[in-house]
Amino acid sequence: MTTPESPARIGNVLHPVPDVAAAVEFYGSVFGFATKFVDGGRYAALDAGGTTLALAAPEEDVTGGVPAASIKVADVAAALAALVEAGGTVVREAEQGPHEVRAVARDPWGNTVVVYGPR
């Protein structure tokens, strides 16, 4: 659940890729996206002009190969409860990731979202 003091926000748009280094090169050379952060061959964050494009290798792909908006919230459990109450479904329960708590859900129309927040 969000409050006016702590609204949710899209933290990134996640794109699963089989080769993070090749994807960094592709998005950098084709679109000019600068690299913000790289975690080995598992994950990279690119600056896509005010939005972060997150590139996830297979071992970091929590969505099963589906691109998804990643929505940052203050409380993952509360956000998932509100999502379910509003007609959404949880695809993958909240779990500790390398940098945050994260879960995968679908809105009532079937769109996949990653819900994440602080440990």
PDB file of N, CA and C in Angstrom:
ATOM      1  N   MET A   1       0.843  -1.162   0.000  1.00  0.00           N
ATOM      2  CA  MET A   1       0.000   0.000   0.000  1.00  0.00           C
ATOM      3  C   MET A   1       0.894   1.232   0.000  1.00  0.00           C
ATOM      4  N   THR A   2       0.502   2.246  -0.700  1.00  0.00           N
ATOM      5  CA  THR A   2       1.298   3.463  -0.764  1.00  0.00           C
ATOM      6  C   THR A   2       0.559   4.579  -0.033  1.00  0.00           C
ATOM      7  N   THR A   3       1.309   5.574   0.338  1.00  0.00           N
ATOM      8  CA  THR A   3       0.742   6.767   0.972  1.00  0.00           C
ATOM      9  C   THR A   3       1.268   7.968   0.215  1.00  0.00           C
ATOM     10  N   PRO A   4       0.661   9.147   0.413  1.00  0.00           N
ATOM     11  CA  PRO A   4       1.196  10.335  -0.265  1.00  0.00           C
ATOM     12  C   PRO A   4       2.659  10.601   0.087  1.00  0.00           C
ATOM     13  N   GLU A   5       3.090  10.161   1.283  1.00  0.00           N
ATOM     14  CA  GLU A   5       4.480  10.374   1.693  1.00  0.00           C
ATOM     15  C   GLU A   5       5.427   9.375   1.023  1.00  0.00           C
ATOM     16  N   SER A   6       4.903   8.212   0.623  1.00  0.00           N
ATOM     17  CA  SER A   6       5.768   7.193   0.011  1.00  0.00           C
ATOM     18  C   SER A   6       5.074   6.545  -1.183  1.00  0.00           C
ATOM     19  N   PRO A   7       4.863   7.301  -2.259  1.00  0.00           N
ATOM     20  CA  PRO A   7       4.205   6.714  -3.424  1.00  0.00           C
ATOM     21  C   PRO A   7       5.114   5.708  -4.127  1.00  0.00           C
ATOM     22  N   ALA A   8       4.478   4.738  -4.755  1.00  0.00           N
ATOM     23  CA  ALA A   8       5.238   3.784  -5.560  1.00  0.00           C
ATOM     24  C   ALA A   8       5.755   4.500  -6.801  1.00  0.00           C
ATOM     25  N   ARG A   9       6.791   3.937  -7.406  1.00  0.00           N
ATOM     26  CA  ARG A   9       7.312   4.517  -8.640  1.00  0.00           C
ATOM     27  C   ARG A   9       7.900   3.407  -9.490  1.00  0.00           C
ATOM     28  N   ILE A  10       7.928   3.617 -10.792  1.00  0.00           N
ATOM     29  CA  ILE A  10       8.591   2.652 -11.656  1.00  0.00           C
ATOM     30  C   ILE A  10      10.088   2.859 -11.495  1.00  0.00           C
ATOM     31  N   GLY A  11      10.742   1.841 -11.003  1.00  0.00           N
ATOM     32  CA  GLY A  11      12.178   1.912 -10.782  1.00  0.00           C
ATOM     33  C   GLY A  11      12.975   1.566 -12.021  1.00  0.00           C
ATOM     34  N   ASN A  12      12.419   0.656 -12.844  1.00  0.00           N
ATOM     35  CA  ASN A  12      13.083   0.275 -14.077  1.00  0.00           C
ATOM     36  C   ASN A  12      12.130  -0.509 -14.954  1.00  0.00           C
ATOM     37  N   VAL A  13      12.557  -0.707 -16.173  1.00  0.00           N
ATOM     38  CA  VAL A  13      11.874  -1.613 -17.092  1.00  0.00           C
ATOM     39  C   VAL A  13      12.839  -2.771 -17.312  1.00  0.00           C
ATOM     40  N   LEU A  14      12.385  -3.968 -16.952  1.00  0.00           N
ATOM     41  CA  LEU A  14      13.228  -5.148 -16.983  1.00  0.00           C
ATOM     42  C   LEU A  14      13.135  -5.848 -18.330  1.00  0.00           C
ATOM     43  N   HIS A  15      14.289  -6.125 -18.925  1.00  0.00           N
ATOM     44  CA  HIS A  15      14.352  -6.903 -20.154  1.00  0.00           C
ATOM     45  C   HIS A  15      15.243  -8.114 -19.907  1.00  0.00           C
ATOM     46  N   PRO A  16      14.677  -9.309 -19.907  1.00  0.00           N
ATOM     47  CA  PRO A  16      15.508 -10.503 -19.816  1.00  0.00           C
ATOM     48  C   PRO A  16      16.315 -10.667 -21.112  1.00  0.00           C
ATOM     49  N   VAL A  17      17.593 -10.985 -20.972  1.00  0.00           N
ATOM     50  CA  VAL A  17      18.469 -11.174 -22.138  1.00  0.00           C
ATOM     51  C   VAL A  17      19.387 -12.368 -21.875  1.00  0.00           C
ATOM     52  N   PRO A  18      19.779 -13.089 -22.922  1.00  0.00           N
ATOM     53  CA  PRO A  18      20.666 -14.233 -22.704  1.00  0.00           C
ATOM     54  C   PRO A  18      22.120 -13.839 -22.463  1.00  0.00           C
ATOM     55  N   ASP A  19      22.516 -12.633 -22.887  1.00  0.00           N
ATOM     56  CA  ASP A  19      23.905 -12.186 -22.776  1.00  0.00           C
ATOM     57  C   ASP A  19      23.909 -10.710 -22.400  1.00  0.00           C
ATOM     58  N   VAL A  20      24.173 -10.436 -21.130  1.00  0.00           N
ATOM     59  CA  VAL A  20      24.129  -9.057 -20.628  1.00  0.00           C
ATOM     60  C   VAL A  20      25.154  -8.176 -21.332  1.00  0.00           C
ATOM     61  N   ALA A  21      26.372  -8.637 -21.495  1.00  0.00           N
ATOM     62  CA  ALA A  21      27.413  -7.822 -22.136  1.00  0.00           C
ATOM     63  C   ALA A  21      27.013  -7.443 -23.558  1.00  0.00           C
ATOM     64  N   ALA A  22      26.480  -8.388 -24.310  1.00  0.00           N
ATOM     65  CA  ALA A  22      26.055  -8.103 -25.684  1.00  0.00           C
ATOM     66  C   ALA A  22      24.883  -7.118 -25.687  1.00  0.00           C
ATOM     67  N   ALA A  23      23.978  -7.249 -24.724  1.00  0.00           N
ATOM     68  CA  ALA A  23      22.833  -6.337 -24.654  1.00  0.00           C
ATOM     69  C   ALA A  23      23.273  -4.929 -24.269  1.00  0.00           C
ATOM     70  N   VAL A  24      24.246  -4.822 -23.361  1.00  0.00           N
ATOM     71  CA  VAL A  24      24.791  -3.502 -22.999  1.00  0.00           C
ATOM     72  C   VAL A  24      25.386  -2.844 -24.234  1.00  0.00           C
ATOM     73  N   GLU A  25      26.164  -3.611 -24.979  1.00  0.00           N
ATOM     74  CA  GLU A  25      26.774  -3.095 -26.209  1.00  0.00           C
ATOM     75  C   GLU A  25      25.692  -2.668 -27.207  1.00  0.00           C
ATOM     76  N   PHE A  26      24.678  -3.501 -27.401  1.00  0.00           N
ATOM     77  CA  PHE A  26      23.598  -3.199 -28.341  1.00  0.00           C
ATOM     78  C   PHE A  26      22.876  -1.905 -27.971  1.00  0.00           C
ATOM     79  N   TYR A  27      22.374  -1.818 -26.746  1.00  0.00           N
ATOM     80  CA  TYR A  27      21.603  -0.640 -26.358  1.00  0.00           C
ATOM     81  C   TYR A  27      22.467   0.618 -26.267  1.00  0.00           C
ATOM     82  N   GLY A  28      23.757   0.430 -25.973  1.00  0.00           N
ATOM     83  CA  GLY A  28      24.661   1.583 -25.955  1.00  0.00           C
ATOM     84  C   GLY A  28      24.961   2.096 -27.349  1.00  0.00           C
ATOM     85  N   SER A  29      25.238   1.172 -28.280  1.00  0.00           N
ATOM     86  CA  SER A  29      25.606   1.609 -29.628  1.00  0.00           C
ATOM     87  C   SER A  29      24.397   2.043 -30.458  1.00  0.00           C
ATOM     88  N   VAL A  30      23.270   1.376 -30.291  1.00  0.00           N
ATOM     89  CA  VAL A  30      22.093   1.708 -31.098  1.00  0.00           C
ATOM     90  C   VAL A  30      21.365   2.944 -30.567  1.00  0.00           C
ATOM     91  N   PHE A  31      21.190   3.015 -29.240  1.00  0.00           N
ATOM     92  CA  PHE A  31      20.386   4.097 -28.666  1.00  0.00           C
ATOM     93  C   PHE A  31      21.184   5.094 -27.831  1.00  0.00           C
ATOM     94  N   GLY A  32      22.463   4.810 -27.603  1.00  0.00           N
ATOM     95  CA  GLY A  32      23.285   5.726 -26.815  1.00  0.00           C
ATOM     96  C   GLY A  32      23.041   5.652 -25.322  1.00  0.00           C
ATOM     97  N   PHE A  33      22.433   4.559 -24.819  1.00  0.00           N
ATOM     98  CA  PHE A  33      22.180   4.430 -23.385  1.00  0.00           C
ATOM     99  C   PHE A  33      23.492   4.206 -22.649  1.00  0.00           C
ATOM    100  N   ALA A  34      23.750   5.020 -21.652  1.00  0.00           N
ATOM    101  CA  ALA A  34      24.958   4.899 -20.841  1.00  0.00           C
ATOM    102  C   ALA A  34      24.769   3.831 -19.768  1.00  0.00           C
ATOM    103  N   THR A  35      25.842   3.153 -19.449  1.00  0.00           N
ATOM    104  CA  THR A  35      25.806   2.132 -18.405  1.00  0.00           C
ATOM    105  C   THR A  35      25.871   2.805 -17.042  1.00  0.00           C
ATOM    106  N   LYS A  36      24.900   2.479 -16.178  1.00  0.00           N
ATOM    107  CA  LYS A  36      24.862   2.996 -14.812  1.00  0.00           C
ATOM    108  C   LYS A  36      25.511   2.027 -13.833  1.00  0.00           C
ATOM    109  N   PHE A  37      25.289   0.729 -14.066  1.00  0.00           N
ATOM    110  CA  PHE A  37      25.694  -0.282 -13.095  1.00  0.00           C
ATOM    111  C   PHE A  37      25.757  -1.635 -13.793  1.00  0.00           C
ATOM    112  N   VAL A  38      26.785  -2.405 -13.496  1.00  0.00           N
ATOM    113  CA  VAL A  38      26.889  -3.766 -14.019  1.00  0.00           C
ATOM    114  C   VAL A  38      27.235  -4.682 -12.855  1.00  0.00           C
ATOM    115  N   ASP A  39      26.511  -5.791 -12.733  1.00  0.00           N
ATOM    116  CA  ASP A  39      26.776  -6.803 -11.715  1.00  0.00           C
ATOM    117  C   ASP A  39      27.230  -8.065 -12.440  1.00  0.00           C
ATOM    118  N   GLY A  40      28.501  -8.081 -12.831  1.00  0.00           N
ATOM    119  CA  GLY A  40      29.057  -9.209 -13.564  1.00  0.00           C
ATOM    120  C   GLY A  40      28.296  -9.462 -14.852  1.00  0.00           C
ATOM    121  N   GLY A  41      28.077 -10.725 -15.167  1.00  0.00           N
ATOM    122  CA  GLY A  41      27.307 -11.080 -16.347  1.00  0.00           C
ATOM    123  C   GLY A  41      25.844 -11.320 -16.034  1.00  0.00           C
ATOM    124  N   ARG A  42      25.419 -10.996 -14.787  1.00  0.00           N
ATOM    125  CA  ARG A  42      24.052 -11.276 -14.338  1.00  0.00           C
ATOM    126  C   ARG A  42      23.062 -10.161 -14.614  1.00  0.00           C
ATOM    127  N   TYR A  43      23.534  -8.911 -14.538  1.00  0.00           N
ATOM    128  CA  TYR A  43      22.595  -7.794 -14.522  1.00  0.00           C
ATOM    129  C   TYR A  43      23.320  -6.510 -14.918  1.00  0.00           C
ATOM    130  N   ALA A  44      22.611  -5.635 -15.599  1.00  0.00           N
ATOM    131  CA  ALA A  44      23.141  -4.300 -15.881  1.00  0.00           C
ATOM    132  C   ALA A  44      21.984  -3.314 -15.875  1.00  0.00           C
ATOM    133  N   ALA A  45      22.279  -2.103 -15.449  1.00  0.00           N
ATOM    134  CA  ALA A  45      21.299  -1.018 -15.470  1.00  0.00           C
ATOM    135  C   ALA A  45      21.823   0.057 -16.412  1.00  0.00           C
ATOM    136  N   LEU A  46      20.984   0.466 -17.355  1.00  0.00           N
ATOM    137  CA  LEU A  46      21.362   1.486 -18.326  1.00  0.00           C
ATOM    138  C   LEU A  46      20.493   2.712 -18.142  1.00  0.00           C
ATOM    139  N   ASP A  47      21.079   3.881 -18.363  1.00  0.00           N
ATOM    140  CA  ASP A  47      20.333   5.141 -18.307  1.00  0.00           C
ATOM    141  C   ASP A  47      19.642   5.345 -19.642  1.00  0.00           C
ATOM    142  N   ALA A  48      18.327   5.203 -19.620  1.00  0.00           N
ATOM    143  CA  ALA A  48      17.534   5.340 -20.842  1.00  0.00           C
ATOM    144  C   ALA A  48      16.797   6.677 -20.831  1.00  0.00           C
ATOM    145  N   GLY A  49      17.496   7.733 -20.467  1.00  0.00           N
ATOM    146  CA  GLY A  49      16.912   9.072 -20.499  1.00  0.00           C
ATOM    147  C   GLY A  49      15.881   9.323 -19.419  1.00  0.00           C
ATOM    148  N   GLY A  50      16.205   9.013 -18.184  1.00  0.00           N
ATOM    149  CA  GLY A  50      15.280   9.237 -17.086  1.00  0.00           C
ATOM    150  C   GLY A  50      14.594   7.963 -16.619  1.00  0.00           C
ATOM    151  N   THR A  51      14.699   6.918 -17.384  1.00  0.00           N
ATOM    152  CA  THR A  51      14.188   5.599 -17.015  1.00  0.00           C
ATOM    153  C   THR A  51      15.367   4.643 -17.051  1.00  0.00           C
ATOM    154  N   THR A  52      15.385   3.697 -16.136  1.00  0.00           N
ATOM    155  CA  THR A  52      16.438   2.701 -16.140  1.00  0.00           C
ATOM    156  C   THR A  52      15.973   1.483 -16.928  1.00  0.00           C
ATOM    157  N   LEU A  53      16.794   1.060 -17.878  1.00  0.00           N
ATOM    158  CA  LEU A  53      16.566  -0.191 -18.575  1.00  0.00           C
ATOM    159  C   LEU A  53      17.418  -1.232 -17.859  1.00  0.00           C
ATOM    160  N   ALA A  54      16.762  -2.213 -17.245  1.00  0.00           N
ATOM    161  CA  ALA A  54      17.457  -3.266 -16.503  1.00  0.00           C
ATOM    162  C   ALA A  54      17.577  -4.486 -17.390  1.00  0.00           C
ATOM    163  N   LEU A  55      18.791  -4.954 -17.583  1.00  0.00           N
ATOM    164  CA  LEU A  55      19.057  -6.125 -18.407  1.00  0.00           C
ATOM    165  C   LEU A  55      19.398  -7.287 -17.477  1.00  0.00           C
ATOM    166  N   ALA A  56      18.592  -8.343 -17.519  1.00  0.00           N
ATOM    167  CA  ALA A  56      18.753  -9.462 -16.595  1.00  0.00           C
ATOM    168  C   ALA A  56      19.121 -10.728 -17.343  1.00  0.00           C
ATOM    169  N   ALA A  57      20.232 -11.333 -16.940  1.00  0.00           N
ATOM    170  CA  ALA A  57      20.650 -12.624 -17.490  1.00  0.00           C
ATOM    171  C   ALA A  57      19.698 -13.708 -16.995  1.00  0.00           C
ATOM    172  N   PRO A  58      19.744 -14.886 -17.591  1.00  0.00           N
ATOM    173  CA  PRO A  58      18.822 -15.955 -17.192  1.00  0.00           C
ATOM    174  C   PRO A  58      18.784 -16.223 -15.683  1.00  0.00           C
ATOM    175  N   GLU A  59      19.928 -16.174 -15.007  1.00  0.00           N
ATOM    176  CA  GLU A  59      19.917 -16.440 -13.562  1.00  0.00           C
ATOM    177  C   GLU A  59      19.266 -15.318 -12.747  1.00  0.00           C
ATOM    178  N   GLU A  60      19.088 -14.144 -13.328  1.00  0.00           N
ATOM    179  CA  GLU A  60      18.418 -13.022 -12.658  1.00  0.00           C
ATOM    180  C   GLU A  60      17.030 -12.760 -13.219  1.00  0.00           C
ATOM    181  N   ASP A  61      16.614 -13.534 -14.192  1.00  0.00           N
ATOM    182  CA  ASP A  61      15.305 -13.338 -14.827  1.00  0.00           C
ATOM    183  C   ASP A  61      14.218 -13.932 -13.945  1.00  0.00           C
ATOM    184  N   VAL A  62      13.486 -13.081 -13.239  1.00  0.00           N
ATOM    185  CA  VAL A  62      12.415 -13.536 -12.359  1.00  0.00           C
ATOM    186  C   VAL A  62      11.073 -13.632 -13.072  1.00  0.00           C
ATOM    187  N   THR A  63      10.984 -13.134 -14.303  1.00  0.00           N
ATOM    188  CA  THR A  63       9.689 -13.081 -15.001  1.00  0.00           C
ATOM    189  C   THR A  63       9.464 -14.202 -16.000  1.00  0.00           C
ATOM    190  N   GLY A  64      10.432 -15.073 -16.198  1.00  0.00           N
ATOM    191  CA  GLY A  64      10.269 -16.133 -17.180  1.00  0.00           C
ATOM    192  C   GLY A  64      10.385 -15.639 -18.610  1.00  0.00           C
ATOM    193  N   GLY A  65      11.232 -14.644 -18.824  1.00  0.00           N
ATOM    194  CA  GLY A  65      11.488 -14.151 -20.174  1.00  0.00           C
ATOM    195  C   GLY A  65      10.563 -13.054 -20.654  1.00  0.00           C
ATOM    196  N   VAL A  66       9.750 -12.509 -19.772  1.00  0.00           N
ATOM    197  CA  VAL A  66       8.776 -11.488 -20.146  1.00  0.00           C
ATOM    198  C   VAL A  66       9.263 -10.107 -19.699  1.00  0.00           C
ATOM    199  N   PRO A  67       9.348  -9.128 -20.601  1.00  0.00           N
ATOM    200  CA  PRO A  67       9.677  -7.768 -20.164  1.00  0.00           C
ATOM    201  C   PRO A  67       8.611  -7.268 -19.185  1.00  0.00           C
ATOM    202  N   ALA A  68       9.037  -6.474 -18.213  1.00  0.00           N
ATOM    203  CA  ALA A  68       8.101  -6.012 -17.197  1.00  0.00           C
ATOM    204  C   ALA A  68       8.564  -4.701 -16.582  1.00  0.00           C
ATOM    205  N   ALA A  69       7.598  -3.858 -16.234  1.00  0.00           N
ATOM    206  CA  ALA A  69       7.910  -2.691 -15.421  1.00  0.00           C
ATOM    207  C   ALA A  69       8.202  -3.186 -14.011  1.00  0.00           C
ATOM    208  N   SER A  70       9.223  -2.629 -13.382  1.00  0.00           N
ATOM    209  CA  SER A  70       9.551  -2.958 -11.996  1.00  0.00           C
ATOM    210  C   SER A  70       9.116  -1.778 -11.142  1.00  0.00           C
ATOM    211  N   ILE A  71       8.208  -2.040 -10.224  1.00  0.00           N
ATOM    212  CA  ILE A  71       7.611  -0.972  -9.425  1.00  0.00           C
ATOM    213  C   ILE A  71       8.166  -1.027  -8.010  1.00  0.00           C
ATOM    214  N   LYS A  72       8.810   0.076  -7.605  1.00  0.00           N
ATOM    215  CA  LYS A  72       9.419   0.154  -6.280  1.00  0.00           C
ATOM    216  C   LYS A  72       8.387   0.647  -5.275  1.00  0.00           C
ATOM    217  N   VAL A  73       8.260  -0.090  -4.175  1.00  0.00           N
ATOM    218  CA  VAL A  73       7.299   0.246  -3.124  1.00  0.00           C
ATOM    219  C   VAL A  73       8.007   0.239  -1.776  1.00  0.00           C
ATOM    220  N   ALA A  74       7.388   0.849  -0.788  1.00  0.00           N
ATOM    221  CA  ALA A  74       7.963   0.874   0.559  1.00  0.00           C
ATOM    222  C   ALA A  74       7.795  -0.471   1.258  1.00  0.00           C
ATOM    223  N   ASP A  75       6.700  -1.196   0.962  1.00  0.00           N
ATOM    224  CA  ASP A  75       6.382  -2.455   1.640  1.00  0.00           C
ATOM    225  C   ASP A  75       5.855  -3.456   0.606  1.00  0.00           C
ATOM    226  N   VAL A  76       6.675  -4.422   0.240  1.00  0.00           N
ATOM    227  CA  VAL A  76       6.310  -5.383  -0.804  1.00  0.00           C
ATOM    228  C   VAL A  76       5.094  -6.201  -0.392  1.00  0.00           C
ATOM    229  N   ALA A  77       5.052  -6.692   0.838  1.00  0.00           N
ATOM    230  CA  ALA A  77       3.924  -7.517   1.280  1.00  0.00           C
ATOM    231  C   ALA A  77       2.613  -6.747   1.206  1.00  0.00           C
ATOM    232  N   ALA A  78       2.611  -5.506   1.650  1.00  0.00           N
ATOM    233  CA  ALA A  78       1.393  -4.690   1.611  1.00  0.00           C
ATOM    234  C   ALA A  78       0.972  -4.402   0.177  1.00  0.00           C
ATOM    235  N   ALA A  79       1.947  -4.149  -0.692  1.00  0.00           N
ATOM    236  CA  ALA A  79       1.626  -3.879  -2.096  1.00  0.00           C
ATOM    237  C   ALA A  79       1.023  -5.109  -2.761  1.00  0.00           C
ATOM    238  N   LEU A  80       1.560  -6.287  -2.468  1.00  0.00           N
ATOM    239  CA  LEU A  80       1.009  -7.514  -3.046  1.00  0.00           C
ATOM    240  C   LEU A  80      -0.407  -7.772  -2.536  1.00  0.00           C
ATOM    241  N   ALA A  81      -0.651  -7.519  -1.258  1.00  0.00           N
ATOM    242  CA  ALA A  81      -2.001  -7.695  -0.709  1.00  0.00           C
ATOM    243  C   ALA A  81      -2.986  -6.759  -1.408  1.00  0.00           C
ATOM    244  N   ALA A  82      -2.589  -5.509  -1.620  1.00  0.00           N
ATOM    245  CA  ALA A  82      -3.458  -4.551  -2.312  1.00  0.00           C
ATOM    246  C   ALA A  82      -3.681  -4.966  -3.761  1.00  0.00           C
ATOM    247  N   LEU A  83      -2.651  -5.471  -4.397  1.00  0.00           N
ATOM    248  CA  LEU A  83      -2.750  -5.920  -5.786  1.00  0.00           C
ATOM    249  C   LEU A  83      -3.754  -7.067  -5.917  1.00  0.00           C
ATOM    250  N   VAL A  84      -3.669  -8.042  -5.028  1.00  0.00           N
ATOM    251  CA  VAL A  84      -4.582  -9.184  -5.066  1.00  0.00           C
ATOM    252  C   VAL A  84      -6.011  -8.728  -4.770  1.00  0.00           C
ATOM    253  N   GLU A  85      -6.166  -7.864  -3.787  1.00  0.00           N
ATOM    254  CA  GLU A  85      -7.492  -7.348  -3.441  1.00  0.00           C
ATOM    255  C   GLU A  85      -8.136  -6.613  -4.612  1.00  0.00           C
ATOM    256  N   ALA A  86      -7.305  -5.994  -5.444  1.00  0.00           N
ATOM    257  CA  ALA A  86      -7.807  -5.238  -6.596  1.00  0.00           C
ATOM    258  C   ALA A  86      -7.961  -6.100  -7.852  1.00  0.00           C
ATOM    259  N   GLY A  87      -7.731  -7.414  -7.744  1.00  0.00           N
ATOM    260  CA  GLY A  87      -7.955  -8.296  -8.889  1.00  0.00           C
ATOM    261  C   GLY A  87      -6.723  -8.823  -9.570  1.00  0.00           C
ATOM    262  N   GLY A  88      -5.539  -8.473  -9.069  1.00  0.00           N
ATOM    263  CA  GLY A  88      -4.301  -8.988  -9.634  1.00  0.00           C
ATOM    264  C   GLY A  88      -3.958 -10.344  -9.048  1.00  0.00           C
ATOM    265  N   THR A  89      -2.883 -10.947  -9.535  1.00  0.00           N
ATOM    266  CA  THR A  89      -2.439 -12.246  -9.035  1.00  0.00           C
ATOM    267  C   THR A  89      -0.936 -12.224  -8.791  1.00  0.00           C
ATOM    268  N   VAL A  90      -0.516 -12.990  -7.821  1.00  0.00           N
ATOM    269  CA  VAL A  90       0.909 -13.140  -7.530  1.00  0.00           C
ATOM    270  C   VAL A  90       1.416 -14.350  -8.305  1.00  0.00           C
ATOM    271  N   VAL A  91       2.457 -14.145  -9.095  1.00  0.00           N
ATOM    272  CA  VAL A  91       3.054 -15.211  -9.904  1.00  0.00           C
ATOM    273  C   VAL A  91       4.222 -15.842  -9.158  1.00  0.00           C
ATOM    274  N   ARG A  92       4.983 -15.008  -8.485  1.00  0.00           N
ATOM    275  CA  ARG A  92       6.154 -15.464  -7.731  1.00  0.00           C
ATOM    276  C   ARG A  92       6.180 -14.685  -6.425  1.00  0.00           C
ATOM    277  N   GLU A  93       6.072 -15.389  -5.312  1.00  0.00           N
ATOM    278  CA  GLU A  93       6.016 -14.752  -3.995  1.00  0.00           C
ATOM    279  C   GLU A  93       7.272 -13.930  -3.720  1.00  0.00           C
ATOM    280  N   ALA A  94       7.160 -13.032  -2.764  1.00  0.00           N
ATOM    281  CA  ALA A  94       8.289 -12.177  -2.381  1.00  0.00           C
ATOM    282  C   ALA A  94       9.465 -13.036  -1.932  1.00  0.00           C
ATOM    283  N   GLU A  95      10.654 -12.651  -2.400  1.00  0.00           N
ATOM    284  CA  GLU A  95      11.882 -13.352  -2.042  1.00  0.00           C
ATOM    285  C   GLU A  95      13.013 -12.339  -1.949  1.00  0.00           C
ATOM    286  N   GLN A  96      14.020 -12.705  -1.215  1.00  0.00           N
ATOM    287  CA  GLN A  96      15.197 -11.847  -1.100  1.00  0.00           C
ATOM    288  C   GLN A  96      16.032 -11.976  -2.359  1.00  0.00           C
ATOM    289  N   GLY A  97      16.198 -10.881  -3.097  1.00  0.00           N
ATOM    290  CA  GLY A  97      17.080 -10.852  -4.252  1.00  0.00           C
ATOM    291  C   GLY A  97      18.447 -10.363  -3.825  1.00  0.00           C
ATOM    292  N   PRO A  98      19.370 -10.213  -4.752  1.00  0.00           N
ATOM    293  CA  PRO A  98      20.710  -9.760  -4.383  1.00  0.00           C
ATOM    294  C   PRO A  98      20.757  -8.332  -3.845  1.00  0.00           C
ATOM    295  N   HIS A  99      19.766  -7.511  -4.216  1.00  0.00           N
ATOM    296  CA  HIS A  99      19.796  -6.109  -3.805  1.00  0.00           C
ATOM    297  C   HIS A  99      18.504  -5.624  -3.161  1.00  0.00           C
ATOM    298  N   GLU A 100      17.438  -6.458  -3.159  1.00  0.00           N
ATOM    299  CA  GLU A 100      16.146  -6.020  -2.667  1.00  0.00           C
ATOM    300  C   GLU A 100      15.235  -7.229  -2.461  1.00  0.00           C
ATOM    301  N   VAL A 101      14.077  -6.967  -1.859  1.00  0.00           N
ATOM    302  CA  VAL A 101      13.013  -7.973  -1.807  1.00  0.00           C
ATOM    303  C   VAL A 101      12.206  -7.773  -3.083  1.00  0.00           C
ATOM    304  N   ARG A 102      11.838  -8.873  -3.755  1.00  0.00           N
ATOM    305  CA  ARG A 102      11.119  -8.742  -5.015  1.00  0.00           C
ATOM    306  C   ARG A 102      10.094  -9.859  -5.168  1.00  0.00           C
ATOM    307  N   ALA A 103       9.054  -9.543  -5.913  1.00  0.00           N
ATOM    308  CA  ALA A 103       8.010 -10.511  -6.231  1.00  0.00           C
ATOM    309  C   ALA A 103       7.555 -10.232  -7.653  1.00  0.00           C
ATOM    310  N   VAL A 104       6.892 -11.201  -8.265  1.00  0.00           N
ATOM    311  CA  VAL A 104       6.368 -11.025  -9.614  1.00  0.00           C
ATOM    312  C   VAL A 104       4.858 -11.205  -9.534  1.00  0.00           C
ATOM    313  N   ALA A 105       4.140 -10.305 -10.198  1.00  0.00           N
ATOM    314  CA  ALA A 105       2.677 -10.338 -10.165  1.00  0.00           C
ATOM    315  C   ALA A 105       2.128  -9.987 -11.541  1.00  0.00           C
ATOM    316  N   ARG A 106       0.822 -10.154 -11.674  1.00  0.00           N
ATOM    317  CA  ARG A 106       0.137  -9.720 -12.892  1.00  0.00           C
ATOM    318  C   ARG A 106      -1.021  -8.836 -12.486  1.00  0.00           C
ATOM    319  N   ASP A 107      -1.236  -7.791 -13.270  1.00  0.00           N
ATOM    320  CA  ASP A 107      -2.402  -6.951 -13.038  1.00  0.00           C
ATOM    321  C   ASP A 107      -3.646  -7.693 -13.530  1.00  0.00           C
ATOM    322  N   PRO A 108      -4.840  -7.155 -13.318  1.00  0.00           N
ATOM    323  CA  PRO A 108      -6.055  -7.865 -13.742  1.00  0.00           C
ATOM    324  C   PRO A 108      -6.135  -8.141 -15.242  1.00  0.00           C
ATOM    325  N   TRP A 109      -5.307  -7.485 -16.046  1.00  0.00           N
ATOM    326  CA  TRP A 109      -5.335  -7.650 -17.506  1.00  0.00           C
ATOM    327  C   TRP A 109      -4.230  -8.570 -18.001  1.00  0.00           C
ATOM    328  N   GLY A 110      -3.469  -9.154 -17.085  1.00  0.00           N
ATOM    329  CA  GLY A 110      -2.440 -10.109 -17.453  1.00  0.00           C
ATOM    330  C   GLY A 110      -1.055  -9.542 -17.666  1.00  0.00           C
ATOM    331  N   ASN A 111      -0.863  -8.247 -17.451  1.00  0.00           N
ATOM    332  CA  ASN A 111       0.464  -7.649 -17.610  1.00  0.00           C
ATOM    333  C   ASN A 111       1.350  -7.996 -16.420  1.00  0.00           C
ATOM    334  N   THR A 112       2.570  -8.405 -16.692  1.00  0.00           N
ATOM    335  CA  THR A 112       3.515  -8.781 -15.643  1.00  0.00           C
ATOM    336  C   THR A 112       4.192  -7.541 -15.080  1.00  0.00           C
ATOM    337  N   VAL A 113       4.316  -7.500 -13.752  1.00  0.00           N
ATOM    338  CA  VAL A 113       5.057  -6.448 -13.063  1.00  0.00           C
ATOM    339  C   VAL A 113       5.942  -7.097 -12.002  1.00  0.00           C
ATOM    340  N   VAL A 114       7.091  -6.497 -11.778  1.00  0.00           N
ATOM    341  CA  VAL A 114       7.944  -6.883 -10.672  1.00  0.00           C
ATOM    342  C   VAL A 114       7.693  -5.850  -9.579  1.00  0.00           C
ATOM    343  N   VAL A 115       7.360  -6.306  -8.390  1.00  0.00           N
ATOM    344  CA  VAL A 115       7.146  -5.423  -7.249  1.00  0.00           C
ATOM    345  C   VAL A 115       8.363  -5.597  -6.343  1.00  0.00           C
ATOM    346  N   TYR A 116       9.060  -4.503  -6.046  1.00  0.00           N
ATOM    347  CA  TYR A 116      10.266  -4.643  -5.234  1.00  0.00           C
ATOM    348  C   TYR A 116      10.395  -3.513  -4.234  1.00  0.00           C
ATOM    349  N   GLY A 117      11.190  -3.739  -3.208  1.00  0.00           N
ATOM    350  CA  GLY A 117      11.390  -2.735  -2.178  1.00  0.00           C
ATOM    351  C   GLY A 117      12.589  -3.083  -1.322  1.00  0.00           C
ATOM    352  N   PRO A 118      12.805  -2.266  -0.298  1.00  0.00           N
ATOM    353  CA  PRO A 118      13.990  -2.464   0.556  1.00  0.00           C
ATOM    354  C   PRO A 118      13.941  -3.793   1.302  1.00  0.00           C
ATOM    355  N   ARG A 119      15.127  -4.263   1.623  1.00  0.00           N
ATOM    356  CA  ARG A 119      15.253  -5.523   2.384  1.00  0.00           C
ATOM    357  C   ARG A 119      14.571  -5.367   3.662  1.00  0.00           C
TER     358      ARG A 119
END
